[in-house]
Amino acid sequence: MQSKQSGSIVRNAPTTGVKCFPMFSSVLSFESTAPLRERLNNGEREVESVTREGPALLPERKRMDCAYEPGRRSGARQKMRINQGQAFVIGGYTVGGKTFDALIFGYHEGDRLLYVARTRNGFTPALRDQLFKRFRGLEIAECPFANLPEARSGRWGEGLTADKMKQCRWLKPVLVGQVEFVEWTPDKHLRHSRFVSLREDRDARDVQSTR
């Protein structure tokens, strides 16, 4: 398809400066006269919309200086996965290396702290050292999660059984961390979770599920 603007073909032109035509405005949700570059640079609303739809909807991003290439998939276009995010209470970790292998975290439901997932993703060596130092003085003997142990590990392996708990060390549930993840599983666990940072602004007692 060849789009024309002022009599010239713009298919081979870079995205910069190209305007969206009225016939496409309902599909792209762009103003018909707004420059495409300007509209893409203001993408907060689109990101929020995709996040609500869930991980099945993967938007594309494209280099602004590349031309439209019908029928081709080049490195100029990439699928974007927009993760969900939430604060969770850190209640323990699994043993491994000089510090820890994975963090164990969950959320409050009433007076109970419920396990939701563990993750070994998102950590640099420096961050692992920093977190491990914060764990000092918080060690406790009893598991703080009311729903552990679980009977099975589940399809994706997020479940924490009695056998797996032998490798766990428990912490007083006072630290809060921000975690990104792809989706909730039917077993109320998280898929592909990743630690982002500590949330010093959150009280662990107020952290509940936003599901």
Protein backbone atom coordinates (compact mmCIF):
# COMPACT_ATOMS: atom_id res chain seq x y z
CA MET A 1 0.00 0.00 0.00
CA GLN A 2 1.32 3.39 -0.97
CA SER A 3 0.18 6.39 1.05
CA LYS A 4 0.47 9.80 -0.54
CA GLN A 5 0.81 13.21 1.02
CA SER A 6 0.88 16.29 -1.21
CA GLY A 7 1.32 14.01 -4.22
CA SER A 8 4.47 12.24 -2.92
CA ILE A 9 4.87 8.62 -1.86
CA VAL A 10 5.88 8.36 1.83
CA ARG A 11 6.15 4.57 2.14
CA ASN A 12 9.93 4.71 1.91
CA ALA A 13 10.26 7.81 4.07
CA PRO A 14 11.40 7.58 7.71
CA THR A 15 8.78 7.86 10.44
CA THR A 16 10.07 11.30 11.40
CA GLY A 17 7.77 13.93 9.94
CA VAL A 18 5.18 11.48 8.56
CA LYS A 19 1.60 12.36 9.44
CA CYS A 20 -1.26 9.97 9.98
CA PHE A 21 -4.15 10.13 7.52
CA PRO A 22 -7.84 10.23 8.48
CA MET A 23 -8.46 6.75 7.04
CA PHE A 24 -6.08 5.28 9.63
CA SER A 25 -6.94 7.47 12.61
CA SER A 26 -9.60 5.16 14.04
CA VAL A 27 -7.20 2.21 13.98
CA LEU A 28 -4.17 3.98 15.40
CA SER A 29 -6.15 6.29 17.72
CA PHE A 30 -4.03 9.21 16.49
CA GLU A 31 -5.27 12.64 15.66
CA SER A 32 -5.38 12.85 11.87
CA THR A 33 -3.22 15.97 11.74
CA ALA A 34 -0.77 15.13 14.53
CA PRO A 35 2.80 14.22 13.51
CA LEU A 36 3.39 10.55 14.21
CA ARG A 37 6.65 11.21 16.05
CA GLU A 38 4.93 13.64 18.42
CA ARG A 39 2.14 11.15 19.14
CA LEU A 40 4.52 8.27 19.84
CA ASN A 41 6.64 10.37 22.19
CA ASN A 42 3.58 10.83 24.38
CA GLY A 43 2.78 7.16 24.94
CA GLU A 44 1.74 7.01 28.59
CA ARG A 45 -1.91 6.39 27.73
CA GLU A 46 -1.04 3.61 25.29
CA VAL A 47 1.22 1.91 27.86
CA GLU A 48 -1.52 2.02 30.48
CA SER A 49 -4.01 0.55 28.01
CA VAL A 50 -1.70 -2.33 27.08
CA THR A 51 -0.97 -3.05 30.76
CA ARG A 52 -4.69 -3.38 31.45
CA GLU A 53 -5.11 -5.78 28.53
CA GLY A 54 -2.40 -8.10 29.87
CA PRO A 55 0.72 -9.77 28.48
CA ALA A 56 -1.04 -11.25 25.45
CA LEU A 57 -1.05 -7.81 23.81
CA LEU A 58 2.50 -6.99 22.73
CA PRO A 59 2.95 -3.57 21.14
CA GLU A 60 5.76 -2.88 18.69
CA ARG A 61 8.41 -0.23 18.84
CA LYS A 62 10.22 1.03 15.76
CA ARG A 63 13.29 3.15 15.14
CA MET A 64 12.13 6.61 14.20
CA ASP A 65 14.68 7.02 11.39
CA CYS A 66 13.67 3.84 9.54
CA ALA A 67 11.35 3.60 6.56
CA TYR A 68 8.20 1.51 6.38
CA GLU A 69 9.06 -1.90 4.88
CA PRO A 70 5.89 -3.77 3.84
CA GLY A 71 6.15 -7.54 4.10
CA ARG A 72 9.48 -7.48 5.91
CA ARG A 73 10.45 -7.88 9.57
CA SER A 74 13.76 -6.21 10.22
CA GLY A 75 15.68 -5.35 13.38
CA ALA A 76 14.10 -1.90 13.24
CA ARG A 77 10.90 -3.34 14.70
CA GLN A 78 10.80 -5.10 18.06
CA LYS A 79 8.00 -6.54 20.19
CA MET A 80 7.66 -4.88 23.58
CA ARG A 81 6.48 -6.80 26.65
CA ILE A 82 4.98 -4.51 29.25
CA ASN A 83 5.10 -6.17 32.67
CA GLN A 84 2.82 -5.67 35.62
CA GLY A 85 4.30 -4.41 38.86
CA GLN A 86 3.44 -4.39 42.54
CA ALA A 87 4.98 -4.05 45.98
CA PHE A 88 5.41 -7.28 47.96
CA VAL A 89 6.63 -8.18 51.44
CA ILE A 90 10.00 -9.96 51.61
CA GLY A 91 9.71 -12.89 53.99
CA GLY A 92 12.78 -14.96 53.26
CA TYR A 93 15.36 -16.15 50.76
CA THR A 94 16.85 -19.35 49.42
CA VAL A 95 20.45 -20.27 50.14
CA GLY A 96 23.02 -19.90 47.39
CA GLY A 97 26.38 -18.27 46.69
CA LYS A 98 27.93 -15.76 49.06
CA THR A 99 24.62 -14.00 49.75
CA PHE A 100 21.37 -15.61 48.57
CA ASP A 101 19.92 -17.30 45.52
CA ALA A 102 16.33 -16.04 45.38
CA LEU A 103 14.04 -13.76 47.37
CA ILE A 104 10.79 -15.12 48.76
CA PHE A 105 7.91 -12.69 48.99
CA GLY A 106 4.16 -12.33 49.37
CA TYR A 107 1.32 -10.07 50.48
CA HIS A 108 -1.09 -9.64 53.35
CA GLU A 109 -4.65 -10.89 53.28
CA GLY A 110 -6.18 -9.73 56.50
CA ASP A 111 -3.79 -10.75 59.27
CA ARG A 112 -2.15 -13.49 57.20
CA LEU A 113 0.98 -13.16 55.09
CA LEU A 114 0.61 -15.27 51.95
CA TYR A 115 3.45 -16.54 49.82
CA VAL A 116 3.16 -15.59 46.16
CA ALA A 117 6.53 -16.20 44.47
CA ARG A 118 10.29 -16.23 44.66
CA THR A 119 12.70 -14.71 42.20
CA ARG A 120 16.41 -14.74 41.41
CA ASN A 121 16.05 -12.16 38.63
CA GLY A 122 16.90 -8.47 38.72
CA PHE A 123 19.92 -8.61 41.01
CA THR A 124 23.40 -7.29 40.41
CA PRO A 125 26.23 -8.49 42.70
CA ALA A 126 26.21 -5.09 44.42
CA LEU A 127 22.45 -5.24 44.98
CA ARG A 128 22.72 -8.75 46.41
CA ASP A 129 25.34 -7.52 48.89
CA GLN A 130 23.21 -4.53 49.81
CA LEU A 131 20.10 -6.63 50.44
CA PHE A 132 22.00 -9.31 52.37
CA LYS A 133 23.27 -6.65 54.75
CA ARG A 134 19.67 -5.51 55.33
CA PHE A 135 18.74 -9.08 56.28
CA ARG A 136 21.07 -9.05 59.27
CA GLY A 137 19.10 -8.94 62.48
CA LEU A 138 15.86 -9.92 60.72
CA GLU A 139 16.40 -13.70 60.73
CA ILE A 140 13.65 -15.76 62.36
CA ALA A 141 13.24 -19.49 62.84
CA GLU A 142 9.61 -19.89 61.79
CA CYS A 143 8.22 -19.42 58.29
CA PRO A 144 6.11 -16.21 58.24
CA PHE A 145 3.86 -17.33 55.36
CA ALA A 146 0.54 -18.80 56.43
CA ASN A 147 -0.01 -20.79 53.20
CA LEU A 148 3.28 -22.73 53.28
CA PRO A 149 4.19 -25.44 52.64
CA GLU A 150 2.30 -26.08 49.43
CA ALA A 151 1.33 -29.54 48.26
CA ARG A 152 2.89 -29.23 44.80
CA SER A 153 5.24 -26.97 42.89
CA GLY A 154 2.74 -26.30 40.11
CA ARG A 155 3.03 -26.15 36.34
CA TRP A 156 5.59 -23.34 36.31
CA GLY A 157 7.46 -24.39 39.45
CA GLU A 158 6.47 -21.35 41.53
CA GLY A 159 5.01 -23.46 44.33
CA LEU A 160 7.03 -23.90 47.51
CA THR A 161 6.79 -27.43 48.89
CA ALA A 162 8.06 -28.76 52.21
CA ASP A 163 11.07 -30.26 50.47
CA LYS A 164 11.99 -26.95 48.80
CA MET A 165 11.53 -25.11 52.09
CA LYS A 166 14.58 -26.91 53.47
CA GLN A 167 16.69 -24.49 51.42
CA CYS A 168 14.86 -21.42 52.74
CA ARG A 169 15.87 -18.95 55.41
CA TRP A 170 13.13 -16.83 56.96
CA LEU A 171 13.04 -13.12 57.72
CA LYS A 172 10.88 -10.90 59.84
CA PRO A 173 8.42 -9.52 57.25
CA VAL A 174 9.23 -5.83 57.45
CA LEU A 175 11.02 -5.14 54.14
CA VAL A 176 9.02 -4.29 51.03
CA GLY A 177 10.24 -4.73 47.48
CA GLN A 178 8.89 -3.66 44.11
CA VAL A 179 8.50 -6.64 41.78
CA GLU A 180 7.67 -6.85 38.08
CA PHE A 181 5.99 -9.91 36.60
CA VAL A 182 4.22 -11.09 33.46
CA GLU A 183 1.02 -12.45 34.96
CA TRP A 184 -0.73 -14.19 37.85
CA THR A 185 -1.11 -17.96 37.55
CA PRO A 186 -4.31 -19.87 38.42
CA ASP A 187 -2.53 -20.98 41.62
CA LYS A 188 -2.14 -17.31 42.69
CA HIS A 189 1.57 -17.22 41.95
CA LEU A 190 3.55 -14.96 39.63
CA ARG A 191 5.11 -15.88 36.31
CA HIS A 192 8.51 -14.49 35.29
CA SER A 193 8.96 -12.20 38.27
CA ARG A 194 11.87 -9.80 38.64
CA PHE A 195 13.01 -7.75 41.63
CA VAL A 196 13.22 -4.02 40.94
CA SER A 197 14.09 -2.25 44.19
CA LEU A 198 13.30 -1.86 47.86
CA ARG A 199 10.27 0.27 48.67
CA GLU A 200 11.32 2.32 51.68
CA ASP A 201 8.10 4.33 51.37
CA ARG A 202 5.82 1.35 52.05
CA ASP A 203 4.81 -0.20 55.36
CA ALA A 204 4.86 -3.99 55.06
CA ARG A 205 1.64 -4.28 57.06
CA ASP A 206 -0.24 -2.37 54.36
CA VAL A 207 0.92 -4.44 51.38
CA GLN A 208 -1.97 -6.40 49.89
CA SER A 209 -2.63 -7.98 46.52
CA THR A 210 -3.83 -5.67 43.76
CA ARG A 211 -5.08 -8.60 41.69
